[in-house]
Amino acid sequence: MWGVMQTPYYRLPPMPWGIDGDEIDTRLHSWSSGIAALSMLEYRVPRGWPKMIEDLFRMNPLTKSHLPCLVHLKLENR
């Protein structure tokens, strides 16, 4: 809710909204009937201690659906 300091001079804006990973497919299909394909891609931390913590979260079924991901949609041509 408060944003993250990206650099000493820049704070990412607050992002107070999100969907658990296991709800994305159902929620997006309920919003639009024009979705032809939906795929979810992992958004990974590249290295360092944040990557080690993320790897631990990915192994735990209770926290895995709360990690960030990228959603790729293909919409039907109408």
N, C-alpha and C. Protein backbone atom coordinates (compact mmCIF):
# COMPACT_ATOMS: atom_id res chain seq x y z
N MET A 1 0.81 -1.20 0.00
CA MET A 1 0.00 0.00 0.00
C MET A 1 0.85 1.27 0.00
N TRP A 2 2.10 1.20 0.45
CA TRP A 2 2.91 2.41 0.57
C TRP A 2 3.90 2.58 -0.57
N GLY A 3 4.04 1.61 -1.45
CA GLY A 3 5.02 1.70 -2.53
C GLY A 3 6.38 1.22 -2.08
N VAL A 4 7.25 0.95 -3.00
CA VAL A 4 8.57 0.41 -2.70
C VAL A 4 9.61 1.40 -3.23
N MET A 5 10.66 1.62 -2.44
CA MET A 5 11.74 2.50 -2.88
C MET A 5 12.56 1.76 -3.94
N GLN A 6 12.47 2.21 -5.18
CA GLN A 6 13.20 1.60 -6.29
C GLN A 6 14.65 2.09 -6.31
N THR A 7 14.85 3.38 -6.07
CA THR A 7 16.17 4.00 -5.95
C THR A 7 16.10 4.94 -4.76
N PRO A 8 17.22 5.54 -4.37
CA PRO A 8 17.15 6.49 -3.25
C PRO A 8 16.24 7.69 -3.52
N TYR A 9 15.92 7.94 -4.80
CA TYR A 9 15.12 9.12 -5.14
C TYR A 9 13.76 8.79 -5.76
N TYR A 10 13.47 7.51 -5.95
CA TYR A 10 12.21 7.16 -6.60
C TYR A 10 11.49 6.05 -5.86
N ARG A 11 10.26 6.31 -5.50
CA ARG A 11 9.41 5.29 -4.86
C ARG A 11 8.37 4.85 -5.88
N LEU A 12 8.24 3.54 -6.06
CA LEU A 12 7.19 3.02 -6.92
C LEU A 12 5.83 3.42 -6.35
N PRO A 13 4.87 3.72 -7.19
CA PRO A 13 3.56 4.11 -6.65
C PRO A 13 2.88 2.94 -5.95
N PRO A 14 1.98 3.23 -5.01
CA PRO A 14 1.23 2.16 -4.35
C PRO A 14 0.37 1.41 -5.36
N MET A 15 0.27 0.11 -5.19
CA MET A 15 -0.55 -0.72 -6.06
C MET A 15 -1.50 -1.53 -5.17
N PRO A 16 -2.61 -0.93 -4.76
CA PRO A 16 -3.47 -1.55 -3.76
C PRO A 16 -4.43 -2.59 -4.31
N TRP A 17 -4.16 -3.13 -5.49
CA TRP A 17 -5.11 -4.07 -6.08
C TRP A 17 -4.35 -5.23 -6.69
N GLY A 18 -4.93 -6.40 -6.65
CA GLY A 18 -4.31 -7.57 -7.26
C GLY A 18 -5.26 -8.76 -7.18
N ILE A 19 -4.89 -9.83 -7.86
CA ILE A 19 -5.66 -11.07 -7.87
C ILE A 19 -4.71 -12.20 -7.55
N ASP A 20 -5.12 -13.12 -6.67
CA ASP A 20 -4.30 -14.31 -6.41
C ASP A 20 -4.13 -15.08 -7.71
N GLY A 21 -2.97 -15.70 -7.87
CA GLY A 21 -2.64 -16.41 -9.09
C GLY A 21 -3.65 -17.47 -9.49
N ASP A 22 -4.24 -18.15 -8.52
CA ASP A 22 -5.20 -19.21 -8.85
C ASP A 22 -6.59 -18.65 -9.18
N GLU A 23 -6.80 -17.34 -9.08
CA GLU A 23 -8.09 -16.72 -9.42
C GLU A 23 -8.06 -15.96 -10.75
N ILE A 24 -6.88 -15.78 -11.34
CA ILE A 24 -6.75 -14.93 -12.52
C ILE A 24 -7.59 -15.43 -13.68
N ASP A 25 -7.48 -16.69 -14.03
CA ASP A 25 -8.20 -17.24 -15.18
C ASP A 25 -9.71 -17.04 -15.04
N THR A 26 -10.25 -17.45 -13.92
CA THR A 26 -11.69 -17.34 -13.68
C THR A 26 -12.15 -15.89 -13.68
N ARG A 27 -11.42 -15.02 -13.00
CA ARG A 27 -11.81 -13.61 -12.89
C ARG A 27 -11.79 -12.92 -14.26
N LEU A 28 -10.73 -13.10 -15.03
CA LEU A 28 -10.65 -12.43 -16.33
C LEU A 28 -11.70 -12.94 -17.30
N HIS A 29 -11.97 -14.24 -17.27
CA HIS A 29 -13.02 -14.76 -18.14
C HIS A 29 -14.41 -14.26 -17.72
N SER A 30 -14.59 -13.96 -16.44
CA SER A 30 -15.88 -13.42 -16.00
C SER A 30 -16.03 -11.95 -16.45
N TRP A 31 -14.92 -11.27 -16.68
CA TRP A 31 -14.97 -9.88 -17.12
C TRP A 31 -15.19 -9.75 -18.62
N SER A 32 -14.72 -10.73 -19.41
CA SER A 32 -14.80 -10.62 -20.86
C SER A 32 -15.00 -11.99 -21.49
N SER A 33 -15.95 -12.08 -22.41
CA SER A 33 -16.16 -13.33 -23.14
C SER A 33 -15.30 -13.38 -24.39
N GLY A 34 -14.54 -12.33 -24.66
CA GLY A 34 -13.73 -12.26 -25.87
C GLY A 34 -12.30 -12.75 -25.71
N ILE A 35 -12.00 -13.48 -24.64
CA ILE A 35 -10.65 -13.98 -24.42
C ILE A 35 -10.48 -15.30 -25.17
N ALA A 36 -9.57 -15.32 -26.14
CA ALA A 36 -9.32 -16.54 -26.92
C ALA A 36 -8.31 -17.44 -26.21
N ALA A 37 -7.29 -16.85 -25.59
CA ALA A 37 -6.26 -17.63 -24.89
C ALA A 37 -5.69 -16.80 -23.75
N LEU A 38 -5.34 -17.49 -22.67
CA LEU A 38 -4.77 -16.83 -21.50
C LEU A 38 -3.63 -17.70 -21.00
N SER A 39 -2.46 -17.09 -20.80
CA SER A 39 -1.35 -17.83 -20.21
C SER A 39 -0.71 -16.96 -19.14
N MET A 40 -0.20 -17.61 -18.12
CA MET A 40 0.45 -16.90 -17.02
C MET A 40 1.93 -17.27 -17.02
N LEU A 41 2.77 -16.26 -16.94
CA LEU A 41 4.22 -16.45 -16.95
C LEU A 41 4.78 -15.98 -15.61
N GLU A 42 5.73 -16.73 -15.08
CA GLU A 42 6.35 -16.33 -13.82
C GLU A 42 7.15 -15.06 -14.00
N TYR A 43 7.04 -14.17 -13.06
CA TYR A 43 7.85 -12.95 -13.02
C TYR A 43 8.90 -13.21 -11.96
N ARG A 44 10.13 -13.44 -12.40
CA ARG A 44 11.19 -13.89 -11.49
C ARG A 44 12.17 -12.79 -11.13
N VAL A 45 12.64 -12.83 -9.91
CA VAL A 45 13.73 -11.96 -9.45
C VAL A 45 15.02 -12.58 -9.99
N PRO A 46 15.89 -11.80 -10.62
CA PRO A 46 17.03 -12.40 -11.31
C PRO A 46 18.12 -13.00 -10.42
N ARG A 47 18.42 -12.40 -9.26
CA ARG A 47 19.55 -12.91 -8.48
C ARG A 47 19.51 -12.35 -7.06
N GLY A 48 20.43 -12.85 -6.24
CA GLY A 48 20.62 -12.33 -4.90
C GLY A 48 19.66 -12.94 -3.87
N TRP A 49 19.65 -12.32 -2.70
CA TRP A 49 18.81 -12.85 -1.61
C TRP A 49 17.32 -12.77 -1.94
N PRO A 50 16.83 -11.74 -2.71
CA PRO A 50 15.41 -11.77 -3.06
C PRO A 50 15.04 -13.01 -3.88
N LYS A 51 15.95 -13.48 -4.74
CA LYS A 51 15.69 -14.69 -5.52
C LYS A 51 15.60 -15.91 -4.61
N MET A 52 16.47 -15.99 -3.61
CA MET A 52 16.44 -17.13 -2.68
C MET A 52 15.11 -17.16 -1.91
N ILE A 53 14.66 -16.00 -1.47
CA ILE A 53 13.38 -15.93 -0.75
C ILE A 53 12.23 -16.30 -1.68
N GLU A 54 12.28 -15.78 -2.91
CA GLU A 54 11.23 -16.11 -3.88
C GLU A 54 11.19 -17.60 -4.16
N ASP A 55 12.35 -18.23 -4.31
CA ASP A 55 12.41 -19.67 -4.54
C ASP A 55 11.73 -20.44 -3.40
N LEU A 56 11.95 -19.99 -2.16
CA LEU A 56 11.29 -20.63 -1.01
C LEU A 56 9.77 -20.44 -1.09
N PHE A 57 9.32 -19.24 -1.47
CA PHE A 57 7.89 -18.99 -1.60
C PHE A 57 7.28 -19.84 -2.71
N ARG A 58 8.01 -20.05 -3.80
CA ARG A 58 7.49 -20.86 -4.91
C ARG A 58 7.35 -22.33 -4.53
N MET A 59 8.13 -22.79 -3.57
CA MET A 59 8.04 -24.19 -3.12
C MET A 59 6.85 -24.41 -2.18
N ASN A 60 6.37 -23.35 -1.55
CA ASN A 60 5.28 -23.46 -0.58
C ASN A 60 3.94 -23.25 -1.28
N PRO A 61 3.05 -24.26 -1.28
CA PRO A 61 1.76 -24.12 -1.96
C PRO A 61 0.88 -23.00 -1.38
N LEU A 62 1.09 -22.62 -0.12
CA LEU A 62 0.28 -21.56 0.48
C LEU A 62 0.68 -20.17 0.01
N THR A 63 1.93 -19.98 -0.41
CA THR A 63 2.40 -18.66 -0.83
C THR A 63 2.60 -18.55 -2.34
N LYS A 64 2.63 -19.67 -3.04
CA LYS A 64 2.92 -19.64 -4.48
C LYS A 64 1.92 -18.78 -5.27
N SER A 65 0.65 -18.83 -4.93
CA SER A 65 -0.36 -18.08 -5.70
C SER A 65 -0.34 -16.58 -5.39
N HIS A 66 0.46 -16.15 -4.42
CA HIS A 66 0.54 -14.73 -4.05
C HIS A 66 1.74 -14.02 -4.68
N LEU A 67 2.54 -14.73 -5.45
CA LEU A 67 3.71 -14.13 -6.08
C LEU A 67 3.31 -13.44 -7.38
N PRO A 68 4.07 -12.43 -7.78
CA PRO A 68 3.72 -11.72 -9.02
C PRO A 68 3.89 -12.60 -10.26
N CYS A 69 3.09 -12.32 -11.26
CA CYS A 69 3.22 -13.02 -12.54
C CYS A 69 2.80 -12.08 -13.66
N LEU A 70 3.12 -12.46 -14.87
CA LEU A 70 2.70 -11.72 -16.05
C LEU A 70 1.58 -12.50 -16.71
N VAL A 71 0.57 -11.80 -17.17
CA VAL A 71 -0.57 -12.46 -17.82
C VAL A 71 -0.58 -12.05 -19.29
N HIS A 72 -0.59 -13.05 -20.16
CA HIS A 72 -0.63 -12.80 -21.60
C HIS A 72 -2.01 -13.22 -22.12
N LEU A 73 -2.72 -12.25 -22.70
CA LEU A 73 -4.07 -12.52 -23.24
C LEU A 73 -4.06 -12.42 -24.74
N LYS A 74 -4.80 -13.29 -25.39
CA LYS A 74 -5.09 -13.14 -26.81
C LYS A 74 -6.60 -12.97 -26.90
N LEU A 75 -7.02 -11.91 -27.55
CA LEU A 75 -8.44 -11.61 -27.68
C LEU A 75 -8.94 -12.07 -29.03
N GLU A 76 -10.20 -12.47 -29.08
CA GLU A 76 -10.83 -12.90 -30.32
C GLU A 76 -11.02 -11.70 -31.23
N ASN A 77 -10.86 -11.91 -32.53
CA ASN A 77 -11.18 -10.87 -33.50
C ASN A 77 -12.68 -10.89 -33.73
N ARG A 78 -13.29 -9.76 -33.64
CA ARG A 78 -14.75 -9.70 -33.83
C ARG A 78 -15.08 -8.89 -35.03
